Structure formats: C-alpha cells, structure tokens
Amino acid sequence: MMTNFRILTISALLISTLALAACNTVRGAGEDLERAGEAIQKSAK
C-alpha cells in the first residue's frame, strides 16, 4: 500500500517538474494557459 503511494507521489512530482520545465518559467506557464484558453474560445465560436 505504502509503495503504491510512493510511486504515485514520485510520478506526480516528476510530471509537475517536466511540465514546469517545458514552460520554462511560471510566467511562461501562465502564457501557455492563456493561449490554450484563447484557442478554446476561438473553437467555441
């Protein structure tokens, strides 16, 4: 049970780290989210 929790926790941390590294900065992450929101709005029209 504890092993599954550790694997899940480590996996979540790795995914978070990779996601932030891909965006390069927190500001970049915000800009990426903004662009994604704009794309969704355009496709909804």
C-alpha atoms as a PDB file:
ATOM      1  CA  MET A   1       0.000   0.000   0.000  1.00  0.00           C
ATOM      2  CA  MET A   2       2.709   2.466   1.006  1.00  0.00           C
ATOM      3  CA  THR A   3       4.748   1.520  -2.065  1.00  0.00           C
ATOM      4  CA  ASN A   4       1.856   2.451  -4.358  1.00  0.00           C
ATOM      5  CA  PHE A   5       1.528   5.809  -2.610  1.00  0.00           C
ATOM      6  CA  ARG A   6       5.255   6.481  -3.037  1.00  0.00           C
ATOM      7  CA  ILE A   7       5.132   5.602  -6.728  1.00  0.00           C
ATOM      8  CA  LEU A   8       2.104   7.855  -7.215  1.00  0.00           C
ATOM      9  CA  THR A   9       3.753  10.724  -5.336  1.00  0.00           C
ATOM     10  CA  ILE A  10       7.037  10.429  -7.221  1.00  0.00           C
ATOM     11  CA  SER A  11       5.196  10.201 -10.540  1.00  0.00           C
ATOM     12  CA  ALA A  12       3.164  13.327  -9.753  1.00  0.00           C
ATOM     13  CA  LEU A  13       6.311  15.239  -8.807  1.00  0.00           C
ATOM     14  CA  LEU A  14       8.105  14.178 -11.988  1.00  0.00           C
ATOM     15  CA  ILE A  15       5.167  15.146 -14.180  1.00  0.00           C
ATOM     16  CA  SER A  16       4.895  18.524 -12.442  1.00  0.00           C
ATOM     17  CA  THR A  17       8.606  19.148 -12.842  1.00  0.00           C
ATOM     18  CA  LEU A  18       8.545  18.254 -16.527  1.00  0.00           C
ATOM     19  CA  ALA A  19       5.508  20.444 -17.126  1.00  0.00           C
ATOM     20  CA  LEU A  20       7.157  23.446 -15.479  1.00  0.00           C
ATOM     21  CA  ALA A  21      10.422  22.807 -17.285  1.00  0.00           C
ATOM     22  CA  ALA A  22       8.577  22.708 -20.591  1.00  0.00           C
ATOM     23  CA  CYS A  23       7.051  26.098 -19.863  1.00  0.00           C
ATOM     24  CA  ASN A  24      10.473  27.322 -18.675  1.00  0.00           C
ATOM     25  CA  THR A  25       9.018  29.741 -16.109  1.00  0.00           C
ATOM     26  CA  VAL A  26       5.859  30.346 -14.139  1.00  0.00           C
ATOM     27  CA  ARG A  27       5.214  33.330 -16.406  1.00  0.00           C
ATOM     28  CA  GLY A  28       5.582  31.060 -19.403  1.00  0.00           C
ATOM     29  CA  ALA A  29       3.113  28.631 -17.868  1.00  0.00           C
ATOM     30  CA  GLY A  30       0.600  31.466 -17.488  1.00  0.00           C
ATOM     31  CA  GLU A  31       1.094  32.489 -21.097  1.00  0.00           C
ATOM     32  CA  ASP A  32       0.655  28.902 -22.260  1.00  0.00           C
ATOM     33  CA  LEU A  33      -2.585  28.607 -20.294  1.00  0.00           C
ATOM     34  CA  GLU A  34      -3.787  31.904 -21.734  1.00  0.00           C
ATOM     35  CA  ARG A  35      -3.099  30.717 -25.285  1.00  0.00           C
ATOM     36  CA  ALA A  36      -4.895  27.448 -24.586  1.00  0.00           C
ATOM     37  CA  GLY A  37      -7.912  29.385 -23.282  1.00  0.00           C
ATOM     38  CA  GLU A  38      -7.935  31.608 -26.346  1.00  0.00           C
ATOM     39  CA  ALA A  39      -7.811  28.569 -28.631  1.00  0.00           C
ATOM     40  CA  ILE A  40     -10.776  27.047 -26.800  1.00  0.00           C
ATOM     41  CA  GLN A  41     -12.723  30.306 -27.113  1.00  0.00           C
ATOM     42  CA  LYS A  42     -11.993  30.515 -30.851  1.00  0.00           C
ATOM     43  CA  SER A  43     -13.104  26.945 -31.430  1.00  0.00           C
ATOM     44  CA  ALA A  44     -16.323  27.562 -29.469  1.00  0.00           C
ATOM     45  CA  LYS A  45     -17.363  30.415 -31.793  1.00  0.00           C
END
